[in-house]
Amino acid sequence: MVSFIDSHKGKFGVEPICKTLPIAPATYYEQKARQRDFTRLPERKKLDMRLKEKIQRI
């Protein structure tokens, strides 16, 4: 959903898109912040990323 908003925010804006879709603007902005700063990710997501690297290595 974040990628859809990114694709259309130039034409419609983030808040109007979020009003139409079932996503709060704060959720969108938090997801964008997490993409820029991995330290903001939930602990479970960080663990999954570490495990994925180990699994791929094996």
PDB file of N, CA and C in Angstrom:
ATOM      1  N   MET A   1       0.825  -1.178   0.000  1.00  0.00           N
ATOM      2  CA  MET A   1       0.000   0.000   0.000  1.00  0.00           C
ATOM      3  C   MET A   1       0.877   1.253   0.000  1.00  0.00           C
ATOM      4  N   VAL A   2       2.000   1.186   0.692  1.00  0.00           N
ATOM      5  CA  VAL A   2       2.914   2.331   0.740  1.00  0.00           C
ATOM      6  C   VAL A   2       3.440   2.640  -0.663  1.00  0.00           C
ATOM      7  N   SER A   3       3.762   1.600  -1.421  1.00  0.00           N
ATOM      8  CA  SER A   3       4.272   1.842  -2.777  1.00  0.00           C
ATOM      9  C   SER A   3       3.191   2.449  -3.673  1.00  0.00           C
ATOM     10  N   PHE A   4       1.935   2.040  -3.470  1.00  0.00           N
ATOM     11  CA  PHE A   4       0.832   2.643  -4.229  1.00  0.00           C
ATOM     12  C   PHE A   4       0.731   4.124  -3.911  1.00  0.00           C
ATOM     13  N   ILE A   5       0.790   4.457  -2.631  1.00  0.00           N
ATOM     14  CA  ILE A   5       0.711   5.867  -2.226  1.00  0.00           C
ATOM     15  C   ILE A   5       1.885   6.644  -2.809  1.00  0.00           C
ATOM     16  N   ASP A   6       3.079   6.053  -2.745  1.00  0.00           N
ATOM     17  CA  ASP A   6       4.253   6.713  -3.317  1.00  0.00           C
ATOM     18  C   ASP A   6       4.063   7.006  -4.810  1.00  0.00           C
ATOM     19  N   SER A   7       3.437   6.065  -5.503  1.00  0.00           N
ATOM     20  CA  SER A   7       3.236   6.221  -6.947  1.00  0.00           C
ATOM     21  C   SER A   7       2.255   7.335  -7.296  1.00  0.00           C
ATOM     22  N   HIS A   8       1.317   7.603  -6.395  1.00  0.00           N
ATOM     23  CA  HIS A   8       0.249   8.547  -6.714  1.00  0.00           C
ATOM     24  C   HIS A   8       0.232   9.818  -5.863  1.00  0.00           C
ATOM     25  N   LYS A   9       1.151   9.927  -4.924  1.00  0.00           N
ATOM     26  CA  LYS A   9       1.102  11.081  -4.019  1.00  0.00           C
ATOM     27  C   LYS A   9       1.394  12.401  -4.726  1.00  0.00           C
ATOM     28  N   GLY A  10       2.152  12.369  -5.810  1.00  0.00           N
ATOM     29  CA  GLY A  10       2.429  13.594  -6.553  1.00  0.00           C
ATOM     30  C   GLY A  10       1.183  14.202  -7.169  1.00  0.00           C
ATOM     31  N   LYS A  11       0.262  13.359  -7.561  1.00  0.00           N
ATOM     32  CA  LYS A  11      -0.954  13.831  -8.214  1.00  0.00           C
ATOM     33  C   LYS A  11      -2.066  14.149  -7.216  1.00  0.00           C
ATOM     34  N   PHE A  12      -2.187  13.309  -6.177  1.00  0.00           N
ATOM     35  CA  PHE A  12      -3.316  13.440  -5.256  1.00  0.00           C
ATOM     36  C   PHE A  12      -2.947  13.892  -3.843  1.00  0.00           C
ATOM     37  N   GLY A  13      -1.709  13.641  -3.419  1.00  0.00           N
ATOM     38  CA  GLY A  13      -1.300  13.932  -2.048  1.00  0.00           C
ATOM     39  C   GLY A  13      -1.512  12.724  -1.145  1.00  0.00           C
ATOM     40  N   VAL A  14      -0.745  12.646  -0.094  1.00  0.00           N
ATOM     41  CA  VAL A  14      -0.798  11.491   0.801  1.00  0.00           C
ATOM     42  C   VAL A  14      -2.108  11.438   1.580  1.00  0.00           C
ATOM     43  N   GLU A  15      -2.486  12.529   2.196  1.00  0.00           N
ATOM     44  CA  GLU A  15      -3.670  12.515   3.051  1.00  0.00           C
ATOM     45  C   GLU A  15      -4.957  12.185   2.296  1.00  0.00           C
ATOM     46  N   PRO A  16      -5.203  12.758   1.117  1.00  0.00           N
ATOM     47  CA  PRO A  16      -6.417  12.371   0.384  1.00  0.00           C
ATOM     48  C   PRO A  16      -6.441  10.890  -0.002  1.00  0.00           C
ATOM     49  N   ILE A  17      -5.288  10.341  -0.362  1.00  0.00           N
ATOM     50  CA  ILE A  17      -5.230   8.917  -0.694  1.00  0.00           C
ATOM     51  C   ILE A  17      -5.548   8.090   0.555  1.00  0.00           C
ATOM     52  N   CYS A  18      -4.979   8.481   1.672  1.00  0.00           N
ATOM     53  CA  CYS A  18      -5.201   7.735   2.917  1.00  0.00           C
ATOM     54  C   CYS A  18      -6.663   7.807   3.363  1.00  0.00           C
ATOM     55  N   LYS A  19      -7.336   8.898   3.056  1.00  0.00           N
ATOM     56  CA  LYS A  19      -8.761   9.001   3.392  1.00  0.00           C
ATOM     57  C   LYS A  19      -9.578   7.989   2.599  1.00  0.00           C
ATOM     58  N   THR A  20      -9.146   7.725   1.372  1.00  0.00           N
ATOM     59  CA  THR A  20      -9.852   6.788   0.507  1.00  0.00           C
ATOM     60  C   THR A  20      -9.495   5.338   0.838  1.00  0.00           C
ATOM     61  N   LEU A  21      -8.233   5.094   1.130  1.00  0.00           N
ATOM     62  CA  LEU A  21      -7.773   3.739   1.447  1.00  0.00           C
ATOM     63  C   LEU A  21      -7.843   3.499   2.952  1.00  0.00           C
ATOM     64  N   PRO A  22      -7.853   2.247   3.376  1.00  0.00           N
ATOM     65  CA  PRO A  22      -7.906   1.955   4.810  1.00  0.00           C
ATOM     66  C   PRO A  22      -6.528   2.030   5.473  1.00  0.00           C
ATOM     67  N   ILE A  23      -5.913   3.208   5.425  1.00  0.00           N
ATOM     68  CA  ILE A  23      -4.609   3.395   6.065  1.00  0.00           C
ATOM     69  C   ILE A  23      -4.550   4.819   6.624  1.00  0.00           C
ATOM     70  N   ALA A  24      -4.074   4.926   7.847  1.00  0.00           N
ATOM     71  CA  ALA A  24      -3.928   6.240   8.468  1.00  0.00           C
ATOM     72  C   ALA A  24      -2.663   6.906   7.933  1.00  0.00           C
ATOM     73  N   PRO A  25      -2.676   8.210   7.749  1.00  0.00           N
ATOM     74  CA  PRO A  25      -1.467   8.896   7.289  1.00  0.00           C
ATOM     75  C   PRO A  25      -0.267   8.626   8.209  1.00  0.00           C
ATOM     76  N   ALA A  26      -0.516   8.542   9.505  1.00  0.00           N
ATOM     77  CA  ALA A  26       0.580   8.277  10.447  1.00  0.00           C
ATOM     78  C   ALA A  26       1.221   6.919  10.174  1.00  0.00           C
ATOM     79  N   THR A  27       0.421   5.949   9.777  1.00  0.00           N
ATOM     80  CA  THR A  27       0.956   4.624   9.441  1.00  0.00           C
ATOM     81  C   THR A  27       1.840   4.711   8.209  1.00  0.00           C
ATOM     82  N   TYR A  28       1.393   5.432   7.217  1.00  0.00           N
ATOM     83  CA  TYR A  28       2.202   5.613   6.005  1.00  0.00           C
ATOM     84  C   TYR A  28       3.537   6.270   6.344  1.00  0.00           C
ATOM     85  N   TYR A  29       3.482   7.365   7.094  1.00  0.00           N
ATOM     86  CA  TYR A  29       4.718   8.085   7.423  1.00  0.00           C
ATOM     87  C   TYR A  29       5.643   7.246   8.301  1.00  0.00           C
ATOM     88  N   GLU A  30       5.101   6.419   9.181  1.00  0.00           N
ATOM     89  CA  GLU A  30       5.937   5.538  10.006  1.00  0.00           C
ATOM     90  C   GLU A  30       6.626   4.495   9.128  1.00  0.00           C
ATOM     91  N   GLN A  31       5.912   3.947   8.165  1.00  0.00           N
ATOM     92  CA  GLN A  31       6.525   2.976   7.263  1.00  0.00           C
ATOM     93  C   GLN A  31       7.652   3.614   6.446  1.00  0.00           C
ATOM     94  N   LYS A  32       7.450   4.833   6.006  1.00  0.00           N
ATOM     95  CA  LYS A  32       8.501   5.534   5.269  1.00  0.00           C
ATOM     96  C   LYS A  32       9.713   5.792   6.169  1.00  0.00           C
ATOM     97  N   ALA A  33       9.466   6.151   7.416  1.00  0.00           N
ATOM     98  CA  ALA A  33      10.563   6.379   8.362  1.00  0.00           C
ATOM     99  C   ALA A  33      11.330   5.091   8.603  1.00  0.00           C
ATOM    100  N   ARG A  34      10.620   3.975   8.701  1.00  0.00           N
ATOM    101  CA  ARG A  34      11.281   2.679   8.908  1.00  0.00           C
ATOM    102  C   ARG A  34      12.112   2.279   7.706  1.00  0.00           C
ATOM    103  N   GLN A  35      11.700   2.672   6.506  1.00  0.00           N
ATOM    104  CA  GLN A  35      12.490   2.381   5.314  1.00  0.00           C
ATOM    105  C   GLN A  35      13.807   3.145   5.328  1.00  0.00           C
ATOM    106  N   ARG A  36      13.782   4.344   5.888  1.00  0.00           N
ATOM    107  CA  ARG A  36      15.001   5.168   5.958  1.00  0.00           C
ATOM    108  C   ARG A  36      15.891   4.781   7.138  1.00  0.00           C
ATOM    109  N   ASP A  37      15.283   4.354   8.229  1.00  0.00           N
ATOM    110  CA  ASP A  37      16.028   4.088   9.464  1.00  0.00           C
ATOM    111  C   ASP A  37      15.623   2.731  10.015  1.00  0.00           C
ATOM    112  N   PHE A  38      16.454   1.708   9.763  1.00  0.00           N
ATOM    113  CA  PHE A  38      16.123   0.352  10.166  1.00  0.00           C
ATOM    114  C   PHE A  38      16.073   0.163  11.679  1.00  0.00           C
ATOM    115  N   THR A  39      16.618   1.093  12.441  1.00  0.00           N
ATOM    116  CA  THR A  39      16.543   0.966  13.896  1.00  0.00           C
ATOM    117  C   THR A  39      15.119   1.172  14.403  1.00  0.00           C
ATOM    118  N   ARG A  40      14.256   1.727  13.570  1.00  0.00           N
ATOM    119  CA  ARG A  40      12.852   1.937  13.958  1.00  0.00           C
ATOM    120  C   ARG A  40      11.985   0.707  13.727  1.00  0.00           C
ATOM    121  N   LEU A  41      12.555  -0.325  13.093  1.00  0.00           N
ATOM    122  CA  LEU A  41      11.784  -1.536  12.837  1.00  0.00           C
ATOM    123  C   LEU A  41      11.452  -2.247  14.143  1.00  0.00           C
ATOM    124  N   PRO A  42      10.337  -2.958  14.183  1.00  0.00           N
ATOM    125  CA  PRO A  42      10.009  -3.757  15.368  1.00  0.00           C
ATOM    126  C   PRO A  42      11.059  -4.855  15.570  1.00  0.00           C
ATOM    127  N   GLU A  43      11.236  -5.269  16.798  1.00  0.00           N
ATOM    128  CA  GLU A  43      12.252  -6.285  17.112  1.00  0.00           C
ATOM    129  C   GLU A  43      12.021  -7.560  16.316  1.00  0.00           C
ATOM    130  N   ARG A  44      10.774  -7.971  16.134  1.00  0.00           N
ATOM    131  CA  ARG A  44      10.478  -9.191  15.378  1.00  0.00           C
ATOM    132  C   ARG A  44      10.964  -9.069  13.941  1.00  0.00           C
ATOM    133  N   LYS A  45      10.778  -7.936  13.323  1.00  0.00           N
ATOM    134  CA  LYS A  45      11.217  -7.728  11.945  1.00  0.00           C
ATOM    135  C   LYS A  45      12.746  -7.765  11.859  1.00  0.00           C
ATOM    136  N   LYS A  46      13.419  -7.181  12.847  1.00  0.00           N
ATOM    137  CA  LYS A  46      14.889  -7.219  12.869  1.00  0.00           C
ATOM    138  C   LYS A  46      15.383  -8.654  12.974  1.00  0.00           C
ATOM    139  N   LEU A  47      14.741  -9.436  13.849  1.00  0.00           N
ATOM    140  CA  LEU A  47      15.112 -10.837  14.009  1.00  0.00           C
ATOM    141  C   LEU A  47      14.882 -11.600  12.710  1.00  0.00           C
ATOM    142  N   ASP A  48      13.748 -11.378  12.079  1.00  0.00           N
ATOM    143  CA  ASP A  48      13.456 -12.042  10.811  1.00  0.00           C
ATOM    144  C   ASP A  48      14.512 -11.724   9.759  1.00  0.00           C
ATOM    145  N   MET A  49      14.959 -10.492   9.706  1.00  0.00           N
ATOM    146  CA  MET A  49      15.978 -10.100   8.731  1.00  0.00           C
ATOM    147  C   MET A  49      17.301 -10.808   9.006  1.00  0.00           C
ATOM    148  N   ARG A  50      17.677 -10.894  10.291  1.00  0.00           N
ATOM    149  CA  ARG A  50      18.928 -11.593  10.638  1.00  0.00           C
ATOM    150  C   ARG A  50      18.825 -13.076  10.306  1.00  0.00           C
ATOM    151  N   LEU A  51      17.693 -13.686  10.617  1.00  0.00           N
ATOM    152  CA  LEU A  51      17.519 -15.100  10.335  1.00  0.00           C
ATOM    153  C   LEU A  51      17.494 -15.374   8.837  1.00  0.00           C
ATOM    154  N   LYS A  52      16.893 -14.486   8.079  1.00  0.00           N
ATOM    155  CA  LYS A  52      16.847 -14.645   6.638  1.00  0.00           C
ATOM    156  C   LYS A  52      18.252 -14.652   6.044  1.00  0.00           C
ATOM    157  N   GLU A  53      19.112 -13.773   6.541  1.00  0.00           N
ATOM    158  CA  GLU A  53      20.504 -13.736   6.070  1.00  0.00           C
ATOM    159  C   GLU A  53      21.206 -15.050   6.382  1.00  0.00           C
ATOM    160  N   LYS A  54      20.995 -15.575   7.581  1.00  0.00           N
ATOM    161  CA  LYS A  54      21.636 -16.839   7.972  1.00  0.00           C
ATOM    162  C   LYS A  54      21.103 -18.003   7.142  1.00  0.00           C
ATOM    163  N   ILE A  55      19.805 -18.031   6.909  1.00  0.00           N
ATOM    164  CA  ILE A  55      19.200 -19.106   6.121  1.00  0.00           C
ATOM    165  C   ILE A  55      19.724 -19.081   4.686  1.00  0.00           C
ATOM    166  N   GLN A  56      19.802 -17.908   4.108  1.00  0.00           N
ATOM    167  CA  GLN A  56      20.314 -17.792   2.734  1.00  0.00           C
ATOM    168  C   GLN A  56      21.783 -18.216   2.666  1.00  0.00           C
ATOM    169  N   ARG A  57      22.547 -17.897   3.691  1.00  0.00           N
ATOM    170  CA  ARG A  57      23.956 -18.271   3.709  1.00  0.00           C
ATOM    171  C   ARG A  57      24.109 -19.782   3.750  1.00  0.00           C
ATOM    172  N   ILE A  58      23.264 -20.440   4.525  1.00  0.00           N
ATOM    173  CA  ILE A  58      23.340 -21.914   4.663  1.00  0.00           C
ATOM    174  C   ILE A  58      22.842 -22.557   3.394  1.00  0.00           C
TER     175      ILE A  58
END
